[in-house]
N, C-alpha and C. Protein backbone atom coordinates (compact mmCIF):
# COMPACT_ATOMS: atom_id res chain seq x y z
N MET A 1 67.48 -0.40 17.34
CA MET A 1 66.39 -0.23 16.41
C MET A 1 66.66 -0.98 15.10
N LYS A 2 67.90 -0.93 14.61
CA LYS A 2 68.23 -1.62 13.37
C LYS A 2 68.07 -3.13 13.53
N SER A 3 68.47 -3.65 14.66
CA SER A 3 68.37 -5.10 14.85
C SER A 3 66.91 -5.56 14.85
N ARG A 4 66.02 -4.77 15.39
CA ARG A 4 64.60 -5.11 15.37
C ARG A 4 64.06 -5.09 13.94
N MET A 5 64.52 -4.13 13.16
CA MET A 5 64.08 -4.04 11.77
C MET A 5 64.57 -5.25 10.97
N ILE A 6 65.80 -5.66 11.19
CA ILE A 6 66.36 -6.81 10.49
C ILE A 6 65.61 -8.08 10.87
N ILE A 7 65.33 -8.26 12.13
CA ILE A 7 64.58 -9.43 12.59
C ILE A 7 63.18 -9.44 11.99
N ALA A 8 62.53 -8.29 11.93
CA ALA A 8 61.19 -8.21 11.35
C ALA A 8 61.21 -8.60 9.88
N VAL A 9 62.20 -8.11 9.14
CA VAL A 9 62.30 -8.44 7.72
C VAL A 9 62.55 -9.94 7.54
N MET A 10 63.40 -10.52 8.36
CA MET A 10 63.69 -11.95 8.27
C MET A 10 62.44 -12.78 8.54
N LEU A 11 61.65 -12.38 9.51
CA LEU A 11 60.43 -13.11 9.83
C LEU A 11 59.41 -13.02 8.71
N VAL A 12 59.36 -11.89 8.04
CA VAL A 12 58.42 -11.72 6.94
C VAL A 12 58.85 -12.53 5.72
N LEU A 13 60.14 -12.56 5.43
CA LEU A 13 60.64 -13.21 4.22
C LEU A 13 60.85 -14.71 4.37
N SER A 14 60.96 -15.25 5.57
CA SER A 14 61.25 -16.67 5.73
C SER A 14 60.19 -17.59 5.11
N PRO A 15 58.88 -17.31 5.22
CA PRO A 15 57.91 -18.19 4.55
C PRO A 15 58.00 -18.11 3.02
N ILE A 16 58.40 -16.96 2.50
CA ILE A 16 58.50 -16.79 1.06
C ILE A 16 59.60 -17.68 0.50
N SER A 17 60.71 -17.81 1.18
CA SER A 17 61.81 -18.63 0.67
C SER A 17 61.41 -20.10 0.58
N ALA A 18 60.52 -20.55 1.43
CA ALA A 18 60.07 -21.94 1.40
C ALA A 18 59.14 -22.21 0.23
N ALA A 19 58.57 -21.16 -0.36
CA ALA A 19 57.61 -21.34 -1.43
C ALA A 19 58.26 -21.41 -2.81
N PHE A 20 59.56 -21.18 -2.92
CA PHE A 20 60.22 -21.23 -4.21
C PHE A 20 60.18 -22.62 -4.80
N ALA A 21 60.06 -22.67 -6.10
CA ALA A 21 60.00 -23.95 -6.80
C ALA A 21 61.40 -24.45 -7.12
N ALA A 22 61.49 -25.75 -7.30
CA ALA A 22 62.74 -26.40 -7.68
C ALA A 22 62.51 -27.17 -8.98
N LYS A 23 63.60 -27.38 -9.73
CA LYS A 23 63.52 -28.16 -10.96
C LYS A 23 64.33 -29.43 -10.80
N VAL A 24 63.85 -30.49 -11.45
CA VAL A 24 64.56 -31.76 -11.43
C VAL A 24 64.30 -32.47 -12.75
N SER A 25 65.30 -33.21 -13.22
CA SER A 25 65.15 -34.04 -14.41
C SER A 25 65.37 -35.49 -14.03
N GLY A 26 64.70 -36.39 -14.73
CA GLY A 26 64.89 -37.80 -14.45
C GLY A 26 64.02 -38.66 -15.34
N THR A 27 64.12 -39.94 -15.14
CA THR A 27 63.35 -40.93 -15.88
C THR A 27 62.23 -41.44 -15.00
N ILE A 28 61.03 -41.55 -15.56
CA ILE A 28 59.88 -42.04 -14.81
C ILE A 28 60.05 -43.54 -14.56
N THR A 29 60.06 -43.93 -13.28
CA THR A 29 60.22 -45.33 -12.92
C THR A 29 58.92 -45.95 -12.42
N ALA A 30 57.94 -45.11 -12.03
CA ALA A 30 56.65 -45.62 -11.56
C ALA A 30 55.58 -44.55 -11.76
N ILE A 31 54.38 -45.00 -12.08
CA ILE A 31 53.22 -44.12 -12.22
C ILE A 31 52.08 -44.72 -11.41
N SER A 32 51.51 -43.92 -10.52
CA SER A 32 50.33 -44.37 -9.76
C SER A 32 49.14 -43.53 -10.17
N LYS A 33 48.28 -44.12 -10.97
CA LYS A 33 47.11 -43.39 -11.45
C LYS A 33 46.11 -43.13 -10.30
N ASN A 34 46.04 -44.04 -9.33
CA ASN A 34 45.13 -43.86 -8.19
C ASN A 34 45.56 -42.71 -7.30
N ALA A 35 46.86 -42.58 -7.07
CA ALA A 35 47.37 -41.54 -6.18
C ALA A 35 47.78 -40.28 -6.94
N ASP A 36 47.71 -40.31 -8.28
CA ASP A 36 48.16 -39.18 -9.12
C ASP A 36 49.60 -38.79 -8.81
N THR A 37 50.48 -39.79 -8.78
CA THR A 37 51.89 -39.53 -8.51
C THR A 37 52.77 -40.22 -9.55
N ILE A 38 53.98 -39.69 -9.68
CA ILE A 38 55.01 -40.36 -10.46
C ILE A 38 56.26 -40.44 -9.59
N THR A 39 57.06 -41.46 -9.85
CA THR A 39 58.35 -41.60 -9.18
C THR A 39 59.41 -41.51 -10.25
N LEU A 40 60.45 -40.71 -9.95
CA LEU A 40 61.55 -40.55 -10.89
C LEU A 40 62.73 -41.40 -10.48
N SER A 41 63.72 -41.43 -11.36
CA SER A 41 64.92 -42.23 -11.11
C SER A 41 65.71 -41.75 -9.90
N ASP A 42 65.39 -40.58 -9.37
CA ASP A 42 66.04 -40.11 -8.14
C ASP A 42 65.42 -40.75 -6.90
N GLY A 43 64.36 -41.56 -7.10
CA GLY A 43 63.72 -42.25 -6.00
C GLY A 43 62.61 -41.46 -5.31
N LYS A 44 62.44 -40.20 -5.69
CA LYS A 44 61.41 -39.36 -5.08
C LYS A 44 60.10 -39.48 -5.83
N THR A 45 59.01 -39.34 -5.08
CA THR A 45 57.66 -39.39 -5.64
C THR A 45 57.10 -37.98 -5.68
N TYR A 46 56.47 -37.64 -6.81
CA TYR A 46 55.95 -36.30 -7.04
C TYR A 46 54.46 -36.37 -7.31
N LEU A 47 53.70 -35.47 -6.69
CA LEU A 47 52.25 -35.43 -6.83
C LEU A 47 51.88 -34.61 -8.06
N LEU A 48 51.01 -35.17 -8.92
CA LEU A 48 50.54 -34.47 -10.11
C LEU A 48 49.20 -33.82 -9.81
N PRO A 49 49.10 -32.50 -9.90
CA PRO A 49 47.84 -31.82 -9.63
C PRO A 49 46.91 -31.88 -10.84
N GLU A 50 45.69 -31.38 -10.68
CA GLU A 50 44.75 -31.28 -11.80
C GLU A 50 45.44 -30.49 -12.91
N GLY A 51 45.21 -30.89 -14.14
CA GLY A 51 45.79 -30.18 -15.28
C GLY A 51 47.03 -30.86 -15.84
N ILE A 52 47.67 -31.70 -15.06
CA ILE A 52 48.80 -32.49 -15.56
C ILE A 52 48.33 -33.93 -15.59
N GLU A 53 48.09 -34.42 -16.79
CA GLU A 53 47.50 -35.74 -16.97
C GLU A 53 48.56 -36.84 -16.96
N ASP A 54 48.36 -37.84 -16.11
CA ASP A 54 49.29 -38.96 -16.06
C ASP A 54 49.06 -39.95 -17.20
N THR A 55 47.95 -39.82 -17.92
CA THR A 55 47.66 -40.75 -19.02
C THR A 55 48.61 -40.55 -20.19
N LYS A 56 49.23 -39.40 -20.29
CA LYS A 56 50.17 -39.12 -21.38
C LYS A 56 51.59 -39.51 -21.03
N LEU A 57 51.85 -39.90 -19.80
CA LEU A 57 53.19 -40.23 -19.35
C LEU A 57 53.45 -41.73 -19.50
N ARG A 58 54.69 -42.09 -19.74
CA ARG A 58 55.07 -43.49 -19.93
C ARG A 58 56.26 -43.84 -19.06
N LEU A 59 56.30 -45.07 -18.59
CA LEU A 59 57.48 -45.56 -17.85
C LEU A 59 58.69 -45.47 -18.77
N GLY A 60 59.81 -45.05 -18.21
CA GLY A 60 61.04 -44.92 -18.98
C GLY A 60 61.18 -43.59 -19.69
N GLU A 61 60.14 -42.76 -19.66
CA GLU A 61 60.19 -41.46 -20.32
C GLU A 61 61.03 -40.49 -19.48
N LYS A 62 61.89 -39.73 -20.16
CA LYS A 62 62.68 -38.71 -19.48
C LYS A 62 61.88 -37.42 -19.43
N VAL A 63 61.84 -36.80 -18.26
CA VAL A 63 61.07 -35.58 -18.06
C VAL A 63 61.86 -34.57 -17.23
N GLN A 64 61.46 -33.33 -17.36
CA GLN A 64 61.94 -32.29 -16.45
C GLN A 64 60.70 -31.70 -15.81
N LEU A 65 60.74 -31.56 -14.50
CA LEU A 65 59.58 -31.00 -13.82
C LEU A 65 59.99 -29.93 -12.83
N THR A 66 59.03 -29.05 -12.60
CA THR A 66 59.16 -28.00 -11.60
C THR A 66 58.18 -28.35 -10.49
N TYR A 67 58.66 -28.28 -9.26
CA TYR A 67 57.80 -28.66 -8.13
C TYR A 67 58.07 -27.76 -6.93
N ALA A 68 57.13 -27.77 -6.02
CA ALA A 68 57.27 -27.05 -4.76
C ALA A 68 56.84 -27.98 -3.64
N GLY A 69 57.50 -27.87 -2.52
CA GLY A 69 57.13 -28.67 -1.36
C GLY A 69 55.91 -28.09 -0.68
N LYS A 70 54.93 -28.94 -0.46
CA LYS A 70 53.73 -28.53 0.30
C LYS A 70 53.54 -29.57 1.37
N GLY A 71 53.93 -29.23 2.57
CA GLY A 71 53.93 -30.21 3.64
C GLY A 71 55.00 -31.24 3.36
N SER A 72 54.64 -32.49 3.37
CA SER A 72 55.62 -33.55 3.11
C SER A 72 55.59 -34.00 1.64
N LYS A 73 54.82 -33.31 0.81
CA LYS A 73 54.67 -33.71 -0.59
C LYS A 73 55.38 -32.73 -1.53
N ALA A 74 55.87 -33.28 -2.64
CA ALA A 74 56.45 -32.47 -3.71
C ALA A 74 55.39 -32.38 -4.80
N VAL A 75 54.81 -31.20 -4.97
CA VAL A 75 53.69 -31.00 -5.91
C VAL A 75 54.22 -30.39 -7.21
N VAL A 76 53.98 -31.08 -8.31
CA VAL A 76 54.45 -30.66 -9.62
C VAL A 76 53.60 -29.49 -10.12
N SER A 77 54.27 -28.46 -10.65
CA SER A 77 53.55 -27.35 -11.26
C SER A 77 53.74 -27.30 -12.77
N HIS A 78 54.83 -27.93 -13.26
CA HIS A 78 55.10 -27.91 -14.70
C HIS A 78 55.91 -29.17 -15.02
N LEU A 79 55.56 -29.82 -16.14
CA LEU A 79 56.25 -31.04 -16.53
C LEU A 79 56.43 -31.03 -18.05
N VAL A 80 57.67 -31.28 -18.52
CA VAL A 80 57.94 -31.34 -19.95
C VAL A 80 58.79 -32.56 -20.26
N PRO A 81 58.49 -33.24 -21.39
CA PRO A 81 59.31 -34.38 -21.80
C PRO A 81 60.70 -33.91 -22.24
N GLN A 82 61.70 -34.75 -22.06
CA GLN A 82 63.07 -34.46 -22.47
C GLN A 82 63.47 -35.44 -23.55
N LYS A 83 64.44 -35.07 -24.35
CA LYS A 83 64.93 -35.97 -25.40
C LYS A 83 66.10 -36.77 -24.89
């Protein structure tokens, strides 16, 4: 009975762990206004959702962002400039 309960809890919690956000810092190396994406110095491309304007971002700017994976995309939820 205990093993069934443990398996049930694991099945319920496994999708939740995938939804956690991650943070990354880096320098903006590319901005695609058509695709609403930025690429950081780590080589990864991040999707900017509505509410995060790419018009205020500049190449070479250091930023810290919070993102979550949605399918094969890393979707930004929060972005702040760094000094």
